[in-house]
Amino acid sequence: MKYTWRVAQEIMKLTPSVSSNFKTTIKDTSFGGFDIPKGWRVFWFAPATHLDEIIFEEPEKFDPSRFENLSKYVLPYTNISVRDQSDYNTKYKDMAVLVLVAITLVFLSFVFKLFRRNRKVEYLPRGSLGFPLIGESLSFVKAQKENRGEEWINERISKHGPVFKTSLMGFPTVVITGQAGNKFVLGSDSDVLTMTQPMTVRRVVGDCTLTGLSKPRYKLVKGAMMSFLKPESLQSYVSRLDEIVNAHIVSEIKEKESIKAVDFMKKLTFDVTFTILFGIDGKSPKEAMFHDFDQIFKAVWSVPLNFPGTIFHQGLQARSRVISMILPILMKRKQELLDGTINPRNDLLTWMLAVREENQEPITRDELIDNFIGIVIASHDTTSILLSLMMWKLARDPKIVAKVREGNHVHPTFASSFLSFPMYIILFIVSSHYAKSIISIISEQMEIFLRKKGSGEEKLAWTDLQSMKYTWRVAQELMRIIPPVFGNFREAAKDLYFCGCFIPKGWQVFWVSHGTQMNEDIFENPKVFDPSRFENPTKPIPPFTYVPFGGGPHMCSGNEFARVEILTIIHHMVTKFEWSQVIPDETITRQPLPYPSMGLPINIKSVNQS
């Protein structure tokens, strides 16, 4: 390896590993006509000869061939310190072997890493990362606002396949679609895909939500939620929930001829969440936090630009205001628990303050605050959107309503009641399934209403909600066609492969719900509204294809609470009001959830319940 060593020598000449050094004189000596006293330090500097053009021709030029006749440069070339020629020869041989071995190992390591990296990069999914930082976030958010999110995804699927790369919310992202993709994302443990959210979510909602906790803390916090939100626990809150819904509806709609349905449903579900889940009854804090949470939710999927006037900046400010309002409430509850003046099961917030790990470690303040914000977003907005979309769809076909109101196809037991009843109040869509859905829901709700009235009972009970089976099927079908949550993020905890595609550690993974819920190979006639597909289907729905509440170990903790709340509100709307749409051609926009773009203004009036 003579030439390899010459290359190494030339590199050391130009950039010596030791460019200078000190020596100490052990006796009086002289050099170049100068006396050097004993004990003085002598400093030598290698580049003085290495780059001397008298010694080395064109010294700054890289030319390993100059070392073919090494004897010419023994003394001027001082990268290896020597005392005499024999010492140099010994050191030269030893150093040559060591350097050659080092160079070979470094070179092989570099080649291996380069080859390995190139092989992995070669298997990255097809797609585009867009512009630096912004990526494709702007086009994605725009498509969401125009309710073209499915189209945005499908365009890239047609170009790149069901797995493709992009950049969303400031980070490189791999988008995964289909049943296998849903199972991979929703069924993976945290050592494969963490639930780390985009920077916008972490900054606005917080780092200590369920998605950001370690396994022991995740188990503690989610366990507290599940304990409070399980069906057995919720049964005791149905009567109180019915009371809150009835009082809110009466106070908000009484003597009004028109309302904006979206705002109405948002305020109603916010009232329910704060009163039932958090035990916050005061009107003042709820009104103040309602507006702040509206800003927070808009900022969750915004472009992460933090300067005055941006949605992201407004969301951060709203978060600070929410914290300043909830902290005194937490301190008061904590003291009430210590004094024994409040039942730990009074509400979810108090329960989370009371639970402990095995080592008696409580849920921390940051965990409480961040999960409080996360629960409000999860329990409030997704429920209000489903209810708003129900009302939007109900008023879109007056001909169907007229036929139903005439009493056609109505069971004789309820015919007299239906003649004047607002049949279009609950659900919708197209074809014969539309009329059938309306009739079935009205029949179901009126049967419950008349039964309660006949027995003298005023409030709904758990058994009443359990009998609203068809109403819930209609809600399920609506969530299939217009999923409240378009998709969600995970983060690769390590280098991964999925369907032959490489996903680097730290990249985001984004899964979407419509890829399976509108797939004709899974759901027959997927664009047709047919709630019966959820009633003992002849073709069972495959796992990880219907995912409005997630799936696997990542199933939503509050899905049962959402069902109870939605059924209660639907019952009161059906039995108390009728309404019509003010803007017949109102479209849907995502903010990022799918809402009627104009807020759904409706004309509304009470109906005779006698």
Foldseek 3Di string as FASTA:
>chain_A
DVLVVLLVLLVCLQVQPDQKDKDFACAWDADPRGIDHHGDIDMDGLNVLSQDCVLPPNSNDRDSVVCPPVVSCPVNHPSDPDDDDVRCVVVVVVVSVVVVVVVVVVVVVVVVVVVVVVVQVVQAFADFACDQQAKCLVVCQVCQQVVNNVVVQVVVCVVGNQWHWTHALRFIEIEHEDLVRLCCVQVDDCLFWQLDARPLCCLLLHCQELRNDDPQLNCQLLVLLLVCQPPVNCQVCQQVLLVLLVVLVCVPCPPNFKDLLLVSLLLSQLCSCCCAAPVDNDPVLSVLLSVLLVLLLLRSRFRPDQDPPGSSVSSNVSLVVNCVVCVVVLVVLLVCVVVVNDDCSRHSLSVQQPDADPVRHGQDPSNSSSNVSVCSCVRRQQLSQLLQVQQLFLFQDVVLQVVVLCQPPADPVCSVVSVFFRQSRGDHDDDPLGSVLSRVQLVLLVVLVVVCVVVVHDGDGPVSLVSNVSSVLLSLLVCLLAPQDQKGKIFGSAWDADPSHIDHHGGIYIYGQNSQSQDCVQPPPSNDRHSCCVPPHPRDRDPSNRQSQRDHPRGHSNPSVSSSSNSSNSSCDRQWKHKHFPDNPFDWHPSSGTHRSVSGMIGMDTDDND
